[in-house]
Amino acid sequence: MKAIRNIKTWRLTDRPARRRVLKGKWVYKVKDELYKVGNNTTRHKARLCFMGNRQIKRLDFNETSAPVAEFTTIRCILAMTAATGWELHQMDVKTAFLNGDL
């Protein structure tokens, strides 16, 4: 929530007339991780989930997007990198949904 507030991704508004409110809930998860150095850390994760099956196209949404890389694509990029001698960088974006264009 802090990241969402800092980036000002969305703002609260009043519900438009004759529009349904989708039901949603917060899903919480506690992740215990053991890092390579042996430190045991606990991370608290949360996500907001909505009942997407109740959405109506062009009324509740206009487009859908799921930017997920296929394993075949990753293998092709790695093969091209090895064959051409390119330098490859990997990054982890923790709030990827906030940054539309990567």
N, C-alpha and C. Protein backbone atom coordinates (compact mmCIF):
# COMPACT_ATOMS: atom_id res chain seq x y z
N MET A 1 0.82 -1.18 0.00
CA MET A 1 0.00 0.00 0.00
C MET A 1 0.87 1.26 0.00
N LYS A 2 2.01 1.17 0.67
CA LYS A 2 2.91 2.33 0.70
C LYS A 2 3.42 2.65 -0.70
N ALA A 3 3.78 1.60 -1.46
CA ALA A 3 4.26 1.81 -2.83
C ALA A 3 3.17 2.42 -3.70
N ILE A 4 1.94 1.97 -3.52
CA ILE A 4 0.82 2.51 -4.30
C ILE A 4 0.61 3.98 -3.96
N ARG A 5 0.67 4.32 -2.68
CA ARG A 5 0.49 5.72 -2.28
C ARG A 5 1.63 6.59 -2.79
N ASN A 6 2.87 6.10 -2.73
CA ASN A 6 4.03 6.89 -3.16
C ASN A 6 3.99 7.19 -4.65
N ILE A 7 3.61 6.22 -5.46
CA ILE A 7 3.62 6.39 -6.91
C ILE A 7 2.34 7.06 -7.40
N LYS A 8 1.31 7.11 -6.56
CA LYS A 8 0.02 7.72 -6.90
C LYS A 8 -0.57 7.08 -8.15
N THR A 9 -0.65 5.75 -8.13
CA THR A 9 -1.14 4.99 -9.28
C THR A 9 -2.63 5.17 -9.49
N TRP A 10 -3.38 5.21 -8.45
CA TRP A 10 -4.83 5.36 -8.57
C TRP A 10 -5.35 6.25 -7.47
N ARG A 11 -6.58 6.68 -7.63
CA ARG A 11 -7.22 7.53 -6.62
C ARG A 11 -8.64 7.04 -6.39
N LEU A 12 -9.14 7.24 -5.20
CA LEU A 12 -10.49 6.84 -4.87
C LEU A 12 -11.49 7.80 -5.49
N THR A 13 -12.55 7.25 -6.06
CA THR A 13 -13.60 8.07 -6.66
C THR A 13 -14.95 7.49 -6.24
N ASP A 14 -15.98 8.23 -6.54
CA ASP A 14 -17.33 7.73 -6.29
C ASP A 14 -17.73 6.75 -7.37
N ARG A 15 -18.57 5.81 -7.02
CA ARG A 15 -19.03 4.80 -7.98
C ARG A 15 -19.97 5.47 -8.98
N PRO A 16 -19.75 5.22 -10.29
CA PRO A 16 -20.66 5.77 -11.30
C PRO A 16 -22.07 5.19 -11.14
N ALA A 17 -23.05 5.95 -11.55
CA ALA A 17 -24.43 5.50 -11.45
C ALA A 17 -24.65 4.23 -12.28
N ARG A 18 -25.46 3.34 -11.76
CA ARG A 18 -25.83 2.07 -12.41
C ARG A 18 -24.66 1.14 -12.66
N ARG A 19 -23.63 1.24 -11.89
CA ARG A 19 -22.49 0.32 -12.00
C ARG A 19 -22.46 -0.58 -10.78
N ARG A 20 -22.12 -1.85 -11.01
CA ARG A 20 -22.00 -2.80 -9.90
C ARG A 20 -20.65 -2.64 -9.23
N VAL A 21 -20.60 -2.99 -7.97
CA VAL A 21 -19.33 -3.02 -7.24
C VAL A 21 -18.87 -4.47 -7.20
N LEU A 22 -17.66 -4.72 -7.68
CA LEU A 22 -17.14 -6.08 -7.68
C LEU A 22 -16.72 -6.47 -6.27
N LYS A 23 -17.01 -7.71 -5.91
CA LYS A 23 -16.60 -8.19 -4.60
C LYS A 23 -15.13 -8.55 -4.63
N GLY A 24 -14.45 -8.20 -3.59
CA GLY A 24 -13.03 -8.50 -3.51
C GLY A 24 -12.61 -8.72 -2.07
N LYS A 25 -11.40 -9.24 -1.92
CA LYS A 25 -10.88 -9.43 -0.57
C LYS A 25 -9.36 -9.40 -0.61
N TRP A 26 -8.77 -9.07 0.52
CA TRP A 26 -7.33 -9.09 0.67
C TRP A 26 -6.89 -10.50 1.01
N VAL A 27 -5.84 -10.97 0.34
CA VAL A 27 -5.26 -12.28 0.61
C VAL A 27 -3.88 -12.04 1.20
N TYR A 28 -3.66 -12.57 2.38
CA TYR A 28 -2.39 -12.38 3.09
C TYR A 28 -1.61 -13.68 3.13
N LYS A 29 -0.28 -13.55 3.03
CA LYS A 29 0.58 -14.72 3.09
C LYS A 29 1.85 -14.36 3.83
N VAL A 30 2.32 -15.26 4.68
CA VAL A 30 3.58 -15.07 5.39
C VAL A 30 4.59 -16.03 4.76
N LYS A 31 5.69 -15.48 4.25
CA LYS A 31 6.70 -16.30 3.60
C LYS A 31 7.95 -16.34 4.46
N ASP A 32 8.35 -17.53 4.84
CA ASP A 32 9.61 -17.72 5.55
C ASP A 32 10.67 -18.08 4.52
N GLU A 33 11.72 -17.31 4.47
CA GLU A 33 12.76 -17.53 3.48
C GLU A 33 14.10 -17.73 4.15
N LEU A 34 14.86 -18.66 3.63
CA LEU A 34 16.21 -18.92 4.12
C LEU A 34 17.18 -18.49 3.03
N TYR A 35 17.89 -17.41 3.29
CA TYR A 35 18.83 -16.89 2.30
C TYR A 35 20.12 -17.69 2.31
N LYS A 36 20.94 -17.47 1.27
CA LYS A 36 22.19 -18.21 1.11
C LYS A 36 23.14 -18.03 2.29
N VAL A 37 23.08 -16.89 2.93
CA VAL A 37 23.99 -16.64 4.05
C VAL A 37 23.49 -17.29 5.33
N GLY A 38 22.30 -17.87 5.29
CA GLY A 38 21.78 -18.57 6.46
C GLY A 38 20.83 -17.77 7.31
N ASN A 39 20.57 -16.51 6.93
CA ASN A 39 19.62 -15.71 7.70
C ASN A 39 18.20 -16.14 7.37
N ASN A 40 17.43 -16.41 8.39
CA ASN A 40 16.05 -16.78 8.20
C ASN A 40 15.20 -15.53 8.34
N THR A 41 14.48 -15.14 7.29
CA THR A 41 13.67 -13.93 7.32
C THR A 41 12.22 -14.27 7.06
N THR A 42 11.35 -13.42 7.54
CA THR A 42 9.92 -13.58 7.32
C THR A 42 9.43 -12.36 6.55
N ARG A 43 8.73 -12.62 5.44
CA ARG A 43 8.16 -11.54 4.64
C ARG A 43 6.65 -11.67 4.66
N HIS A 44 6.00 -10.55 4.82
CA HIS A 44 4.54 -10.51 4.81
C HIS A 44 4.09 -9.99 3.46
N LYS A 45 3.29 -10.78 2.74
CA LYS A 45 2.82 -10.41 1.41
C LYS A 45 1.31 -10.23 1.45
N ALA A 46 0.80 -9.33 0.63
CA ALA A 46 -0.64 -9.10 0.55
C ALA A 46 -1.00 -8.76 -0.89
N ARG A 47 -2.17 -9.21 -1.31
CA ARG A 47 -2.66 -8.84 -2.63
C ARG A 47 -4.18 -8.70 -2.56
N LEU A 48 -4.70 -7.85 -3.39
CA LEU A 48 -6.13 -7.59 -3.44
C LEU A 48 -6.70 -8.35 -4.62
N CYS A 49 -7.63 -9.25 -4.36
CA CYS A 49 -8.21 -10.10 -5.40
C CYS A 49 -9.69 -9.77 -5.56
N PHE A 50 -10.14 -9.73 -6.81
CA PHE A 50 -11.54 -9.48 -7.12
C PHE A 50 -12.12 -10.66 -7.87
N MET A 51 -13.43 -10.77 -7.83
CA MET A 51 -14.12 -11.85 -8.52
C MET A 51 -14.27 -11.44 -9.99
N GLY A 52 -13.26 -11.77 -10.78
CA GLY A 52 -13.23 -11.38 -12.19
C GLY A 52 -14.31 -12.04 -13.02
N ASN A 53 -14.84 -13.17 -12.55
CA ASN A 53 -15.87 -13.85 -13.32
C ASN A 53 -17.18 -13.06 -13.36
N ARG A 54 -17.31 -12.04 -12.55
CA ARG A 54 -18.53 -11.22 -12.54
C ARG A 54 -18.38 -9.96 -13.38
N GLN A 55 -17.24 -9.79 -14.03
CA GLN A 55 -17.03 -8.62 -14.86
C GLN A 55 -17.67 -8.81 -16.23
N ILE A 56 -18.11 -7.70 -16.80
CA ILE A 56 -18.72 -7.71 -18.14
C ILE A 56 -17.83 -6.89 -19.05
N LYS A 57 -17.45 -7.50 -20.19
CA LYS A 57 -16.56 -6.81 -21.13
C LYS A 57 -17.22 -5.53 -21.65
N ARG A 58 -16.42 -4.49 -21.80
CA ARG A 58 -16.80 -3.15 -22.23
C ARG A 58 -17.65 -2.41 -21.20
N LEU A 59 -18.02 -3.05 -20.12
CA LEU A 59 -18.73 -2.36 -19.05
C LEU A 59 -17.80 -2.20 -17.84
N ASP A 60 -17.17 -3.31 -17.43
CA ASP A 60 -16.25 -3.27 -16.30
C ASP A 60 -14.79 -3.16 -16.73
N PHE A 61 -14.48 -3.54 -17.95
CA PHE A 61 -13.10 -3.46 -18.44
C PHE A 61 -13.11 -3.38 -19.95
N ASN A 62 -12.02 -2.85 -20.52
CA ASN A 62 -11.90 -2.72 -21.97
C ASN A 62 -10.84 -3.65 -22.54
N GLU A 63 -9.83 -3.98 -21.75
CA GLU A 63 -8.76 -4.83 -22.25
C GLU A 63 -8.21 -5.66 -21.11
N THR A 64 -7.55 -6.75 -21.46
CA THR A 64 -6.89 -7.57 -20.46
C THR A 64 -5.42 -7.71 -20.84
N SER A 65 -4.60 -7.86 -19.84
CA SER A 65 -3.17 -7.97 -20.08
C SER A 65 -2.54 -8.80 -18.97
N ALA A 66 -1.65 -9.69 -19.38
CA ALA A 66 -0.90 -10.49 -18.42
C ALA A 66 0.53 -10.63 -18.93
N PRO A 67 1.40 -9.67 -18.60
CA PRO A 67 2.76 -9.70 -19.13
C PRO A 67 3.62 -10.77 -18.45
N VAL A 68 3.50 -12.00 -18.94
CA VAL A 68 4.25 -13.13 -18.38
C VAL A 68 5.06 -13.74 -19.51
N ALA A 69 6.32 -14.00 -19.26
CA ALA A 69 7.19 -14.58 -20.28
C ALA A 69 7.03 -16.10 -20.34
N GLU A 70 6.91 -16.62 -21.54
CA GLU A 70 6.87 -18.06 -21.73
C GLU A 70 8.28 -18.62 -21.54
N PHE A 71 8.38 -19.86 -21.08
CA PHE A 71 9.68 -20.48 -20.87
C PHE A 71 10.44 -20.60 -22.19
N THR A 72 9.72 -20.85 -23.29
CA THR A 72 10.37 -20.95 -24.61
C THR A 72 11.02 -19.62 -24.99
N THR A 73 10.36 -18.51 -24.68
CA THR A 73 10.92 -17.20 -24.97
C THR A 73 12.21 -16.96 -24.19
N ILE A 74 12.20 -17.34 -22.93
CA ILE A 74 13.39 -17.17 -22.10
C ILE A 74 14.54 -18.01 -22.65
N ARG A 75 14.25 -19.24 -23.06
CA ARG A 75 15.29 -20.11 -23.63
C ARG A 75 15.85 -19.51 -24.91
N CYS A 76 15.00 -18.94 -25.76
CA CYS A 76 15.46 -18.32 -27.01
C CYS A 76 16.37 -17.12 -26.73
N ILE A 77 15.98 -16.29 -25.76
CA ILE A 77 16.81 -15.13 -25.42
C ILE A 77 18.16 -15.57 -24.88
N LEU A 78 18.16 -16.59 -24.03
CA LEU A 78 19.43 -17.10 -23.50
C LEU A 78 20.30 -17.68 -24.61
N ALA A 79 19.69 -18.39 -25.56
CA ALA A 79 20.45 -18.96 -26.68
C ALA A 79 21.04 -17.85 -27.55
N MET A 80 20.25 -16.81 -27.85
CA MET A 80 20.75 -15.69 -28.66
C MET A 80 21.88 -14.96 -27.94
N THR A 81 21.75 -14.80 -26.63
CA THR A 81 22.78 -14.12 -25.85
C THR A 81 24.08 -14.91 -25.88
N ALA A 82 23.99 -16.21 -25.71
CA ALA A 82 25.19 -17.05 -25.73
C ALA A 82 25.83 -17.08 -27.11
N ALA A 83 25.00 -17.15 -28.16
CA ALA A 83 25.53 -17.26 -29.53
C ALA A 83 26.20 -15.96 -29.99
N THR A 84 25.70 -14.82 -29.57
CA THR A 84 26.23 -13.55 -30.06
C THR A 84 27.21 -12.89 -29.09
N GLY A 85 27.34 -13.45 -27.89
CA GLY A 85 28.26 -12.89 -26.91
C GLY A 85 27.75 -11.63 -26.24
N TRP A 86 26.43 -11.44 -26.27
CA TRP A 86 25.84 -10.27 -25.63
C TRP A 86 25.95 -10.37 -24.12
N GLU A 87 25.78 -9.23 -23.46
CA GLU A 87 25.74 -9.19 -22.01
C GLU A 87 24.27 -9.16 -21.60
N LEU A 88 23.91 -9.99 -20.65
CA LEU A 88 22.51 -10.13 -20.24
C LEU A 88 22.35 -9.66 -18.80
N HIS A 89 21.32 -8.87 -18.55
CA HIS A 89 21.01 -8.38 -17.21
C HIS A 89 19.64 -8.87 -16.80
N GLN A 90 19.47 -9.20 -15.53
CA GLN A 90 18.20 -9.64 -15.00
C GLN A 90 17.79 -8.70 -13.89
N MET A 91 16.50 -8.37 -13.82
CA MET A 91 16.03 -7.49 -12.75
C MET A 91 14.73 -8.02 -12.17
N ASP A 92 14.48 -7.63 -10.95
CA ASP A 92 13.27 -8.03 -10.26
C ASP A 92 12.48 -6.78 -9.94
N VAL A 93 11.27 -6.70 -10.46
CA VAL A 93 10.42 -5.53 -10.23
C VAL A 93 9.35 -5.94 -9.24
N LYS A 94 9.41 -5.40 -8.04
CA LYS A 94 8.49 -5.82 -6.98
C LYS A 94 7.10 -5.24 -7.16
N THR A 95 6.99 -4.08 -7.76
CA THR A 95 5.68 -3.48 -7.97
C THR A 95 5.45 -3.32 -9.48
N ALA A 96 5.56 -4.43 -10.20
CA ALA A 96 5.48 -4.41 -11.66
C ALA A 96 4.14 -3.90 -12.16
N PHE A 97 3.06 -4.19 -11.44
CA PHE A 97 1.75 -3.75 -11.90
C PHE A 97 1.62 -2.24 -11.87
N LEU A 98 2.50 -1.57 -11.14
CA LEU A 98 2.45 -0.11 -11.08
C LEU A 98 3.18 0.53 -12.24
N ASN A 99 4.09 -0.18 -12.87
CA ASN A 99 4.89 0.35 -13.96
C ASN A 99 4.44 -0.30 -15.25
N GLY A 100 3.51 0.32 -15.95
CA GLY A 100 2.90 -0.27 -17.14
C GLY A 100 3.90 -0.70 -18.20
N ASP A 101 4.80 0.18 -18.61
CA ASP A 101 5.76 -0.14 -19.67
C ASP A 101 7.09 -0.49 -19.07
N LEU A 102 7.55 -1.74 -19.28
CA LEU A 102 8.85 -2.16 -18.80
C LEU A 102 9.80 -2.33 -19.97
